[in-house]
Amino acid sequence: QSTLSDLRNVVAEFVDERDWRQFHSPKNLSMALAIEAGELMEHFQWISTEASRRLTQQQREEVGEELADVFCYALAIANELQLDVTSTLLKKMEKNRAKYPANEYRGRFGANDPNPASS
């Protein structure tokens, strides 16, 4: 089992072996991440919510590859900016817990949730 630190190192080594840090500004990496996220979304663009939960093994593998690309770019940004992803994520989740208390948002996706079942 790899740790997040291990994965960051894998990404850093890959980049360093190719001398790509010169191209890996946070600006460029964030754009690349957005492009890969778009490629991930393409797999779900014209299918129903239910179908998106029942992918074939091949579809799951393709989605997994796109998700890996997104994650690689996210880790490359963290490497470039020397961000501690673990503590940053934990802090963000604390903010999310305060912003969206479970007792108020259970079964709802937002403050203006039009879902009558959540009222």
N, C-alpha and C. Protein backbone atom coordinates (compact mmCIF):
# COMPACT_ATOMS: atom_id res chain seq x y z
N GLN A 1 0.85 -1.18 0.00
CA GLN A 1 0.00 0.00 0.00
C GLN A 1 0.90 1.25 0.00
N SER A 2 0.65 2.14 -0.91
CA SER A 2 1.43 3.37 -1.00
C SER A 2 0.81 4.47 -0.15
N THR A 3 1.66 5.31 0.40
CA THR A 3 1.18 6.48 1.13
C THR A 3 1.07 7.65 0.16
N LEU A 4 0.42 8.69 0.62
CA LEU A 4 0.32 9.90 -0.19
C LEU A 4 1.71 10.45 -0.49
N SER A 5 2.58 10.38 0.48
CA SER A 5 3.96 10.84 0.30
C SER A 5 4.67 10.02 -0.79
N ASP A 6 4.43 8.71 -0.78
CA ASP A 6 5.01 7.85 -1.82
C ASP A 6 4.53 8.29 -3.21
N LEU A 7 3.24 8.57 -3.32
CA LEU A 7 2.68 8.96 -4.61
C LEU A 7 3.23 10.31 -5.06
N ARG A 8 3.37 11.24 -4.12
CA ARG A 8 3.97 12.53 -4.46
C ARG A 8 5.38 12.32 -4.99
N ASN A 9 6.13 11.43 -4.36
CA ASN A 9 7.50 11.15 -4.81
C ASN A 9 7.52 10.52 -6.20
N VAL A 10 6.58 9.63 -6.48
CA VAL A 10 6.49 9.01 -7.81
C VAL A 10 6.27 10.08 -8.87
N VAL A 11 5.35 11.00 -8.59
CA VAL A 11 5.07 12.10 -9.53
C VAL A 11 6.31 12.98 -9.69
N ALA A 12 6.94 13.33 -8.58
CA ALA A 12 8.13 14.20 -8.63
C ALA A 12 9.26 13.54 -9.42
N GLU A 13 9.48 12.25 -9.20
CA GLU A 13 10.52 11.54 -9.94
C GLU A 13 10.22 11.51 -11.43
N PHE A 14 8.97 11.24 -11.78
CA PHE A 14 8.56 11.21 -13.18
C PHE A 14 8.86 12.56 -13.84
N VAL A 15 8.47 13.63 -13.17
CA VAL A 15 8.68 14.98 -13.70
C VAL A 15 10.18 15.28 -13.81
N ASP A 16 10.92 14.98 -12.75
CA ASP A 16 12.36 15.26 -12.74
C ASP A 16 13.11 14.47 -13.80
N GLU A 17 12.75 13.21 -14.00
CA GLU A 17 13.42 12.39 -15.01
C GLU A 17 13.28 12.97 -16.42
N ARG A 18 12.24 13.74 -16.63
CA ARG A 18 11.96 14.32 -17.95
C ARG A 18 12.30 15.81 -18.03
N ASP A 19 12.81 16.35 -16.93
CA ASP A 19 13.14 17.78 -16.85
C ASP A 19 11.93 18.63 -17.21
N TRP A 20 10.78 18.29 -16.63
CA TRP A 20 9.54 18.99 -16.93
C TRP A 20 9.19 20.07 -15.92
N ARG A 21 9.95 20.20 -14.83
CA ARG A 21 9.61 21.24 -13.84
C ARG A 21 9.60 22.62 -14.47
N GLN A 22 10.42 22.80 -15.49
CA GLN A 22 10.46 24.10 -16.16
C GLN A 22 9.10 24.47 -16.77
N PHE A 23 8.28 23.47 -17.06
CA PHE A 23 6.96 23.70 -17.63
C PHE A 23 5.85 23.65 -16.58
N HIS A 24 6.19 23.20 -15.39
CA HIS A 24 5.18 22.90 -14.37
C HIS A 24 4.94 24.06 -13.42
N SER A 25 4.58 25.20 -13.97
CA SER A 25 4.16 26.30 -13.12
C SER A 25 2.78 25.95 -12.56
N PRO A 26 2.43 26.50 -11.41
CA PRO A 26 1.08 26.25 -10.90
C PRO A 26 0.00 26.62 -11.92
N LYS A 27 0.22 27.67 -12.69
CA LYS A 27 -0.74 28.08 -13.72
C LYS A 27 -0.92 26.96 -14.75
N ASN A 28 0.17 26.46 -15.28
CA ASN A 28 0.08 25.41 -16.31
C ASN A 28 -0.50 24.12 -15.74
N LEU A 29 -0.07 23.77 -14.53
CA LEU A 29 -0.57 22.54 -13.92
C LEU A 29 -2.06 22.62 -13.62
N SER A 30 -2.53 23.78 -13.17
CA SER A 30 -3.96 23.90 -12.87
C SER A 30 -4.78 23.80 -14.15
N MET A 31 -4.27 24.33 -15.25
CA MET A 31 -4.98 24.20 -16.53
C MET A 31 -4.99 22.75 -16.99
N ALA A 32 -3.85 22.06 -16.85
CA ALA A 32 -3.79 20.66 -17.23
C ALA A 32 -4.75 19.82 -16.39
N LEU A 33 -4.83 20.14 -15.10
CA LEU A 33 -5.77 19.43 -14.22
C LEU A 33 -7.20 19.63 -14.69
N ALA A 34 -7.55 20.86 -15.04
CA ALA A 34 -8.91 21.15 -15.51
C ALA A 34 -9.21 20.40 -16.81
N ILE A 35 -8.24 20.32 -17.69
CA ILE A 35 -8.43 19.58 -18.95
C ILE A 35 -8.67 18.11 -18.66
N GLU A 36 -7.87 17.54 -17.77
CA GLU A 36 -8.05 16.13 -17.41
C GLU A 36 -9.39 15.90 -16.72
N ALA A 37 -9.82 16.85 -15.89
CA ALA A 37 -11.13 16.73 -15.25
C ALA A 37 -12.23 16.73 -16.31
N GLY A 38 -12.06 17.53 -17.35
CA GLY A 38 -13.01 17.53 -18.46
C GLY A 38 -13.03 16.18 -19.17
N GLU A 39 -11.86 15.59 -19.33
CA GLU A 39 -11.81 14.26 -19.96
C GLU A 39 -12.49 13.22 -19.09
N LEU A 40 -12.37 13.37 -17.78
CA LEU A 40 -13.09 12.49 -16.86
C LEU A 40 -14.59 12.66 -17.02
N MET A 41 -15.04 13.90 -17.11
CA MET A 41 -16.48 14.18 -17.25
C MET A 41 -17.05 13.63 -18.56
N GLU A 42 -16.24 13.57 -19.60
CA GLU A 42 -16.72 13.05 -20.88
C GLU A 42 -17.29 11.65 -20.76
N HIS A 43 -16.77 10.87 -19.84
CA HIS A 43 -17.24 9.49 -19.67
C HIS A 43 -18.68 9.44 -19.14
N PHE A 44 -19.14 10.52 -18.55
CA PHE A 44 -20.46 10.56 -17.94
C PHE A 44 -21.43 11.51 -18.63
N GLN A 45 -20.96 12.18 -19.66
CA GLN A 45 -21.69 13.29 -20.26
C GLN A 45 -23.10 12.95 -20.70
N TRP A 46 -23.31 11.86 -21.37
CA TRP A 46 -24.62 11.57 -21.95
C TRP A 46 -25.28 10.34 -21.35
N ILE A 47 -24.90 10.01 -20.14
CA ILE A 47 -25.55 8.85 -19.50
C ILE A 47 -26.29 9.32 -18.25
N SER A 48 -27.21 8.50 -17.79
CA SER A 48 -28.01 8.85 -16.62
C SER A 48 -27.18 8.72 -15.34
N THR A 49 -27.72 9.29 -14.28
CA THR A 49 -27.08 9.17 -12.97
C THR A 49 -26.93 7.71 -12.59
N GLU A 50 -27.98 6.93 -12.81
CA GLU A 50 -27.93 5.51 -12.46
C GLU A 50 -26.90 4.78 -13.31
N ALA A 51 -26.85 5.06 -14.61
CA ALA A 51 -25.87 4.40 -15.48
C ALA A 51 -24.44 4.75 -15.05
N SER A 52 -24.25 5.96 -14.51
CA SER A 52 -22.92 6.36 -14.08
C SER A 52 -22.44 5.54 -12.88
N ARG A 53 -23.38 4.88 -12.21
CA ARG A 53 -23.03 4.03 -11.07
C ARG A 53 -22.85 2.57 -11.47
N ARG A 54 -23.17 2.24 -12.71
CA ARG A 54 -23.09 0.85 -13.18
C ARG A 54 -22.19 0.73 -14.41
N LEU A 55 -20.97 1.16 -14.29
CA LEU A 55 -20.04 1.11 -15.41
C LEU A 55 -19.54 -0.32 -15.62
N THR A 56 -19.22 -0.62 -16.87
CA THR A 56 -18.58 -1.90 -17.16
C THR A 56 -17.15 -1.86 -16.62
N GLN A 57 -16.51 -3.00 -16.57
CA GLN A 57 -15.12 -3.05 -16.10
C GLN A 57 -14.22 -2.17 -16.98
N GLN A 58 -14.42 -2.23 -18.30
CA GLN A 58 -13.62 -1.41 -19.20
C GLN A 58 -13.86 0.08 -18.95
N GLN A 59 -15.13 0.46 -18.77
CA GLN A 59 -15.45 1.86 -18.49
C GLN A 59 -14.81 2.31 -17.17
N ARG A 60 -14.86 1.43 -16.17
CA ARG A 60 -14.24 1.75 -14.87
C ARG A 60 -12.74 1.96 -15.02
N GLU A 61 -12.10 1.13 -15.84
CA GLU A 61 -10.66 1.28 -16.06
C GLU A 61 -10.36 2.60 -16.75
N GLU A 62 -11.17 2.95 -17.76
CA GLU A 62 -10.97 4.21 -18.47
C GLU A 62 -11.19 5.41 -17.54
N VAL A 63 -12.23 5.35 -16.74
CA VAL A 63 -12.50 6.42 -15.78
C VAL A 63 -11.35 6.49 -14.76
N GLY A 64 -10.87 5.33 -14.33
CA GLY A 64 -9.75 5.28 -13.39
C GLY A 64 -8.51 5.95 -13.95
N GLU A 65 -8.24 5.74 -15.24
CA GLU A 65 -7.07 6.38 -15.85
C GLU A 65 -7.22 7.90 -15.86
N GLU A 66 -8.42 8.38 -16.17
CA GLU A 66 -8.64 9.83 -16.17
C GLU A 66 -8.53 10.38 -14.75
N LEU A 67 -9.07 9.66 -13.79
CA LEU A 67 -8.97 10.08 -12.39
C LEU A 67 -7.52 10.11 -11.95
N ALA A 68 -6.73 9.13 -12.38
CA ALA A 68 -5.30 9.11 -12.06
C ALA A 68 -4.61 10.33 -12.65
N ASP A 69 -4.98 10.71 -13.88
CA ASP A 69 -4.39 11.92 -14.48
C ASP A 69 -4.71 13.15 -13.63
N VAL A 70 -5.97 13.27 -13.21
CA VAL A 70 -6.37 14.41 -12.36
C VAL A 70 -5.54 14.40 -11.08
N PHE A 71 -5.42 13.25 -10.47
CA PHE A 71 -4.70 13.13 -9.21
C PHE A 71 -3.22 13.44 -9.39
N CYS A 72 -2.64 12.98 -10.50
CA CYS A 72 -1.22 13.27 -10.78
C CYS A 72 -0.98 14.77 -10.87
N TYR A 73 -1.86 15.46 -11.59
CA TYR A 73 -1.69 16.92 -11.69
C TYR A 73 -1.93 17.60 -10.35
N ALA A 74 -2.87 17.12 -9.57
CA ALA A 74 -3.09 17.69 -8.23
C ALA A 74 -1.83 17.51 -7.37
N LEU A 75 -1.23 16.34 -7.44
CA LEU A 75 -0.01 16.11 -6.68
C LEU A 75 1.15 16.94 -7.21
N ALA A 76 1.21 17.13 -8.52
CA ALA A 76 2.26 17.97 -9.11
C ALA A 76 2.12 19.41 -8.63
N ILE A 77 0.88 19.90 -8.51
CA ILE A 77 0.67 21.25 -7.98
C ILE A 77 1.12 21.31 -6.52
N ALA A 78 0.75 20.30 -5.75
CA ALA A 78 1.17 20.25 -4.35
C ALA A 78 2.70 20.23 -4.25
N ASN A 79 3.35 19.47 -5.11
CA ASN A 79 4.81 19.42 -5.11
C ASN A 79 5.39 20.79 -5.46
N GLU A 80 4.86 21.40 -6.49
CA GLU A 80 5.38 22.68 -6.95
C GLU A 80 5.23 23.77 -5.90
N LEU A 81 4.11 23.76 -5.18
CA LEU A 81 3.84 24.79 -4.16
C LEU A 81 4.22 24.35 -2.75
N GLN A 82 4.78 23.14 -2.65
CA GLN A 82 5.19 22.58 -1.36
C GLN A 82 4.05 22.61 -0.35
N LEU A 83 2.89 22.14 -0.81
CA LEU A 83 1.71 22.06 0.06
C LEU A 83 1.64 20.68 0.71
N ASP A 84 1.30 20.65 1.98
CA ASP A 84 1.05 19.39 2.66
C ASP A 84 -0.41 19.02 2.38
N VAL A 85 -0.60 18.09 1.47
CA VAL A 85 -1.95 17.75 1.01
C VAL A 85 -2.80 17.21 2.16
N THR A 86 -2.22 16.40 3.02
CA THR A 86 -2.98 15.80 4.10
C THR A 86 -3.53 16.87 5.05
N SER A 87 -2.68 17.75 5.54
CA SER A 87 -3.17 18.76 6.48
C SER A 87 -4.11 19.75 5.78
N THR A 88 -3.82 20.07 4.51
CA THR A 88 -4.68 20.98 3.77
C THR A 88 -6.08 20.38 3.59
N LEU A 89 -6.14 19.10 3.26
CA LEU A 89 -7.43 18.44 3.08
C LEU A 89 -8.18 18.34 4.41
N LEU A 90 -7.47 18.00 5.47
CA LEU A 90 -8.14 17.90 6.77
C LEU A 90 -8.69 19.25 7.23
N LYS A 91 -7.94 20.32 7.01
CA LYS A 91 -8.44 21.66 7.35
C LYS A 91 -9.67 22.01 6.52
N LYS A 92 -9.63 21.69 5.24
CA LYS A 92 -10.77 21.98 4.37
C LYS A 92 -12.00 21.20 4.80
N MET A 93 -11.82 19.94 5.19
CA MET A 93 -12.96 19.14 5.65
C MET A 93 -13.55 19.71 6.94
N GLU A 94 -12.71 20.27 7.81
CA GLU A 94 -13.24 20.93 9.01
C GLU A 94 -14.10 22.12 8.62
N LYS A 95 -13.64 22.91 7.66
CA LYS A 95 -14.43 24.05 7.18
C LYS A 95 -15.74 23.56 6.58
N ASN A 96 -15.68 22.47 5.80
CA ASN A 96 -16.89 21.92 5.19
C ASN A 96 -17.87 21.43 6.25
N ARG A 97 -17.36 20.80 7.31
CA ARG A 97 -18.24 20.34 8.39
C ARG A 97 -18.96 21.51 9.05
N ALA A 98 -18.24 22.62 9.24
CA ALA A 98 -18.85 23.80 9.85
C ALA A 98 -19.85 24.44 8.89
N LYS A 99 -19.53 24.46 7.62
CA LYS A 99 -20.39 25.10 6.63
C LYS A 99 -21.63 24.27 6.33
N TYR A 100 -21.49 22.95 6.37
CA TYR A 100 -22.59 22.03 6.05
C TYR A 100 -22.79 21.04 7.20
N PRO A 101 -23.36 21.48 8.31
CA PRO A 101 -23.58 20.57 9.44
C PRO A 101 -24.46 19.38 9.01
N ALA A 102 -24.06 18.20 9.42
CA ALA A 102 -24.76 16.98 9.01
C ALA A 102 -26.24 17.02 9.39
N ASN A 103 -26.55 17.55 10.55
CA ASN A 103 -27.96 17.56 10.98
C ASN A 103 -28.82 18.47 10.11
N GLU A 104 -28.21 19.44 9.42
CA GLU A 104 -28.97 20.34 8.55
C GLU A 104 -28.95 19.89 7.09
N TYR A 105 -27.93 19.17 6.70
CA TYR A 105 -27.74 18.85 5.27
C TYR A 105 -27.88 17.38 4.94
N ARG A 106 -28.22 16.55 5.90
CA ARG A 106 -28.37 15.11 5.63
C ARG A 106 -29.42 14.90 4.54
N GLY A 107 -29.01 14.28 3.44
CA GLY A 107 -29.93 14.02 2.33
C GLY A 107 -30.18 15.20 1.42
N ARG A 108 -29.51 16.31 1.66
CA ARG A 108 -29.67 17.53 0.85
C ARG A 108 -28.32 17.88 0.25
N PHE A 109 -28.32 18.54 -0.89
CA PHE A 109 -27.04 18.90 -1.50
C PHE A 109 -26.72 20.37 -1.41
N GLY A 110 -27.56 21.16 -0.84
CA GLY A 110 -27.26 22.58 -0.70
C GLY A 110 -28.38 23.36 -0.05
N ALA A 111 -28.10 24.62 0.24
CA ALA A 111 -29.06 25.47 0.93
C ALA A 111 -30.34 25.69 0.13
N ASN A 112 -30.24 25.72 -1.18
CA ASN A 112 -31.40 25.93 -2.03
C ASN A 112 -31.86 24.63 -2.69
N ASP A 113 -31.72 23.55 -1.99
CA ASP A 113 -32.05 22.22 -2.50
C ASP A 113 -33.53 22.17 -2.88
N PRO A 114 -33.83 21.98 -4.18
CA PRO A 114 -35.23 21.92 -4.60
C PRO A 114 -35.87 20.55 -4.33
N ASN A 115 -35.12 19.64 -3.75
CA ASN A 115 -35.63 18.29 -3.51
C ASN A 115 -36.66 18.33 -2.39
N PRO A 116 -37.95 18.10 -2.72
CA PRO A 116 -39.00 18.19 -1.68
C PRO A 116 -38.83 17.15 -0.59
N ALA A 117 -38.16 16.04 -0.89
CA ALA A 117 -37.97 15.01 0.12
C ALA A 117 -37.07 15.49 1.24
N SER A 118 -36.28 16.53 0.99
CA SER A 118 -35.35 17.00 2.01
C SER A 118 -35.96 18.09 2.88
N SER A 119 -37.18 18.51 2.58
CA SER A 119 -37.80 19.60 3.35
C SER A 119 -38.46 19.09 4.61
